[in-house]
Amino acid sequence: MTGDAGSGTRELLLVLAVAGAGLLLAMVAAFGPWHPTADRAARAGLVVLHSPTGRVGGPSAS
């Protein structure tokens, strides 16, 4: 019975360590520099939406 208390403490510390590592990785991803620097090309560009051209009514039955 005395070994269970130490095992629970170790398990709790492991869970907290994994959670802290996950939070650290999330913060690096969220707040890290994403914009291109002078020596690197841009990896992402602006998305421009265009409406389709053609008839408004859609496909015809003919």
N, C-alpha and C. Protein backbone atom coordinates (compact mmCIF):
# COMPACT_ATOMS: atom_id res chain seq x y z
N MET A 1 0.80 -1.19 0.00
CA MET A 1 0.00 0.00 0.00
C MET A 1 0.85 1.27 0.00
N THR A 2 2.00 1.24 0.61
CA THR A 2 2.82 2.44 0.66
C THR A 2 3.44 2.76 -0.70
N GLY A 3 3.62 1.76 -1.55
CA GLY A 3 4.17 2.01 -2.88
C GLY A 3 3.19 2.70 -3.80
N ASP A 4 1.89 2.59 -3.52
CA ASP A 4 0.88 3.22 -4.37
C ASP A 4 0.91 4.74 -4.28
N ALA A 5 1.22 5.27 -3.12
CA ALA A 5 1.25 6.72 -2.95
C ALA A 5 2.38 7.34 -3.77
N GLY A 6 3.54 6.72 -3.76
CA GLY A 6 4.65 7.24 -4.55
C GLY A 6 4.40 7.10 -6.04
N SER A 7 3.74 6.04 -6.44
CA SER A 7 3.42 5.82 -7.86
C SER A 7 2.43 6.87 -8.36
N GLY A 8 1.46 7.20 -7.51
CA GLY A 8 0.48 8.22 -7.88
C GLY A 8 1.12 9.59 -8.04
N THR A 9 2.06 9.88 -7.15
CA THR A 9 2.76 11.16 -7.22
C THR A 9 3.60 11.23 -8.49
N ARG A 10 4.29 10.13 -8.80
CA ARG A 10 5.09 10.09 -10.03
C ARG A 10 4.22 10.24 -11.27
N GLU A 11 3.07 9.59 -11.25
CA GLU A 11 2.16 9.67 -12.40
C GLU A 11 1.63 11.09 -12.57
N LEU A 12 1.29 11.73 -11.47
CA LEU A 12 0.81 13.11 -11.52
C LEU A 12 1.90 14.04 -12.04
N LEU A 13 3.13 13.86 -11.60
CA LEU A 13 4.23 14.68 -12.10
C LEU A 13 4.46 14.45 -13.59
N LEU A 14 4.32 13.22 -14.05
CA LEU A 14 4.46 12.93 -15.48
C LEU A 14 3.37 13.62 -16.28
N VAL A 15 2.14 13.56 -15.80
CA VAL A 15 1.03 14.22 -16.49
C VAL A 15 1.27 15.72 -16.55
N LEU A 16 1.71 16.31 -15.46
CA LEU A 16 1.98 17.75 -15.45
C LEU A 16 3.14 18.11 -16.37
N ALA A 17 4.16 17.27 -16.44
CA ALA A 17 5.29 17.53 -17.33
C ALA A 17 4.86 17.47 -18.80
N VAL A 18 4.05 16.50 -19.15
CA VAL A 18 3.58 16.38 -20.54
C VAL A 18 2.66 17.56 -20.88
N ALA A 19 1.80 17.95 -19.94
CA ALA A 19 0.93 19.09 -20.17
C ALA A 19 1.74 20.38 -20.33
N GLY A 20 2.76 20.56 -19.52
CA GLY A 20 3.61 21.74 -19.64
C GLY A 20 4.36 21.77 -20.96
N ALA A 21 4.84 20.61 -21.41
CA ALA A 21 5.53 20.56 -22.70
C ALA A 21 4.57 20.88 -23.84
N GLY A 22 3.34 20.40 -23.73
CA GLY A 22 2.34 20.72 -24.75
C GLY A 22 2.01 22.20 -24.79
N LEU A 23 1.87 22.81 -23.62
CA LEU A 23 1.62 24.25 -23.57
C LEU A 23 2.79 25.05 -24.14
N LEU A 24 3.99 24.61 -23.85
CA LEU A 24 5.17 25.29 -24.38
C LEU A 24 5.20 25.22 -25.91
N LEU A 25 4.93 24.04 -26.46
CA LEU A 25 4.90 23.90 -27.91
C LEU A 25 3.79 24.74 -28.53
N ALA A 26 2.64 24.79 -27.88
CA ALA A 26 1.53 25.60 -28.40
C ALA A 26 1.88 27.08 -28.38
N MET A 27 2.57 27.53 -27.34
CA MET A 27 2.96 28.94 -27.27
C MET A 27 4.01 29.28 -28.33
N VAL A 28 4.92 28.37 -28.58
CA VAL A 28 5.92 28.60 -29.62
C VAL A 28 5.24 28.69 -30.99
N ALA A 29 4.28 27.82 -31.23
CA ALA A 29 3.57 27.85 -32.51
C ALA A 29 2.71 29.09 -32.66
N ALA A 30 2.10 29.54 -31.57
CA ALA A 30 1.20 30.68 -31.65
C ALA A 30 1.94 32.01 -31.70
N PHE A 31 3.01 32.13 -30.96
CA PHE A 31 3.68 33.42 -30.84
C PHE A 31 5.03 33.48 -31.55
N GLY A 32 5.42 32.42 -32.20
CA GLY A 32 6.67 32.42 -32.94
C GLY A 32 6.57 33.25 -34.20
N PRO A 33 7.69 33.69 -34.73
CA PRO A 33 7.64 34.50 -35.96
C PRO A 33 7.20 33.64 -37.15
N TRP A 34 6.15 34.06 -37.83
CA TRP A 34 5.65 33.32 -38.98
C TRP A 34 5.93 34.05 -40.29
N HIS A 35 6.22 35.32 -40.20
CA HIS A 35 6.45 36.11 -41.41
C HIS A 35 7.82 35.79 -42.00
N PRO A 36 7.97 35.93 -43.31
CA PRO A 36 9.26 35.62 -43.93
C PRO A 36 10.32 36.64 -43.54
N THR A 37 11.54 36.18 -43.45
CA THR A 37 12.65 37.08 -43.17
C THR A 37 13.33 37.45 -44.49
N ALA A 38 14.35 38.25 -44.40
CA ALA A 38 15.01 38.74 -45.61
C ALA A 38 15.68 37.61 -46.40
N ASP A 39 16.14 36.56 -45.73
CA ASP A 39 16.87 35.51 -46.43
C ASP A 39 16.00 34.31 -46.79
N ARG A 40 14.72 34.32 -46.46
CA ARG A 40 13.84 33.20 -46.77
C ARG A 40 12.66 33.67 -47.59
N ALA A 41 12.17 32.80 -48.46
CA ALA A 41 11.00 33.12 -49.27
C ALA A 41 9.73 32.95 -48.43
N ALA A 42 8.70 33.63 -48.86
CA ALA A 42 7.42 33.51 -48.16
C ALA A 42 6.83 32.13 -48.40
N ARG A 43 6.36 31.49 -47.34
CA ARG A 43 5.78 30.16 -47.46
C ARG A 43 4.27 30.20 -47.66
N ALA A 44 3.65 31.29 -47.32
CA ALA A 44 2.20 31.39 -47.44
C ALA A 44 1.86 32.72 -48.10
N GLY A 45 0.80 32.71 -48.86
CA GLY A 45 0.40 33.94 -49.53
C GLY A 45 -1.04 34.30 -49.19
N LEU A 46 -1.45 35.43 -49.67
CA LEU A 46 -2.79 35.92 -49.44
C LEU A 46 -3.76 35.13 -50.30
N VAL A 47 -4.87 34.73 -49.75
CA VAL A 47 -5.89 34.00 -50.49
C VAL A 47 -6.90 35.01 -51.00
N VAL A 48 -7.11 35.01 -52.32
CA VAL A 48 -8.06 35.92 -52.93
C VAL A 48 -9.23 35.11 -53.46
N LEU A 49 -10.43 35.48 -53.07
CA LEU A 49 -11.63 34.78 -53.51
C LEU A 49 -12.22 35.49 -54.72
N HIS A 50 -12.55 34.73 -55.74
CA HIS A 50 -13.17 35.27 -56.94
C HIS A 50 -14.50 34.58 -57.15
N SER A 51 -15.50 35.35 -57.56
CA SER A 51 -16.78 34.73 -57.87
C SER A 51 -16.69 34.12 -59.27
N PRO A 52 -17.42 33.05 -59.53
CA PRO A 52 -17.36 32.42 -60.84
C PRO A 52 -17.99 33.31 -61.91
N THR A 53 -17.44 33.25 -63.09
CA THR A 53 -17.99 34.02 -64.20
C THR A 53 -18.96 33.16 -64.97
N GLY A 54 -19.83 33.77 -65.72
CA GLY A 54 -20.79 33.02 -66.52
C GLY A 54 -22.19 33.45 -66.20
N ARG A 55 -23.13 32.58 -66.56
CA ARG A 55 -24.54 32.90 -66.35
C ARG A 55 -24.89 32.82 -64.89
N VAL A 56 -25.86 33.65 -64.53
CA VAL A 56 -26.29 33.68 -63.15
C VAL A 56 -27.23 32.51 -62.86
N GLY A 57 -28.02 32.09 -63.83
CA GLY A 57 -29.04 31.08 -63.62
C GLY A 57 -28.50 29.67 -63.47
N GLY A 58 -27.27 29.43 -63.76
CA GLY A 58 -26.69 28.10 -63.65
C GLY A 58 -26.78 27.34 -64.95
N PRO A 59 -26.60 26.03 -64.96
CA PRO A 59 -26.62 25.25 -66.19
C PRO A 59 -28.03 25.19 -66.77
N SER A 60 -28.08 25.19 -68.08
CA SER A 60 -29.38 25.14 -68.74
C SER A 60 -29.71 23.72 -69.16
N ALA A 61 -30.96 23.46 -69.51
CA ALA A 61 -31.42 22.11 -69.87
C ALA A 61 -31.20 21.80 -71.33
N SER A 62 -30.68 22.72 -72.14
CA SER A 62 -30.53 22.47 -73.58
C SER A 62 -29.33 21.73 -73.96
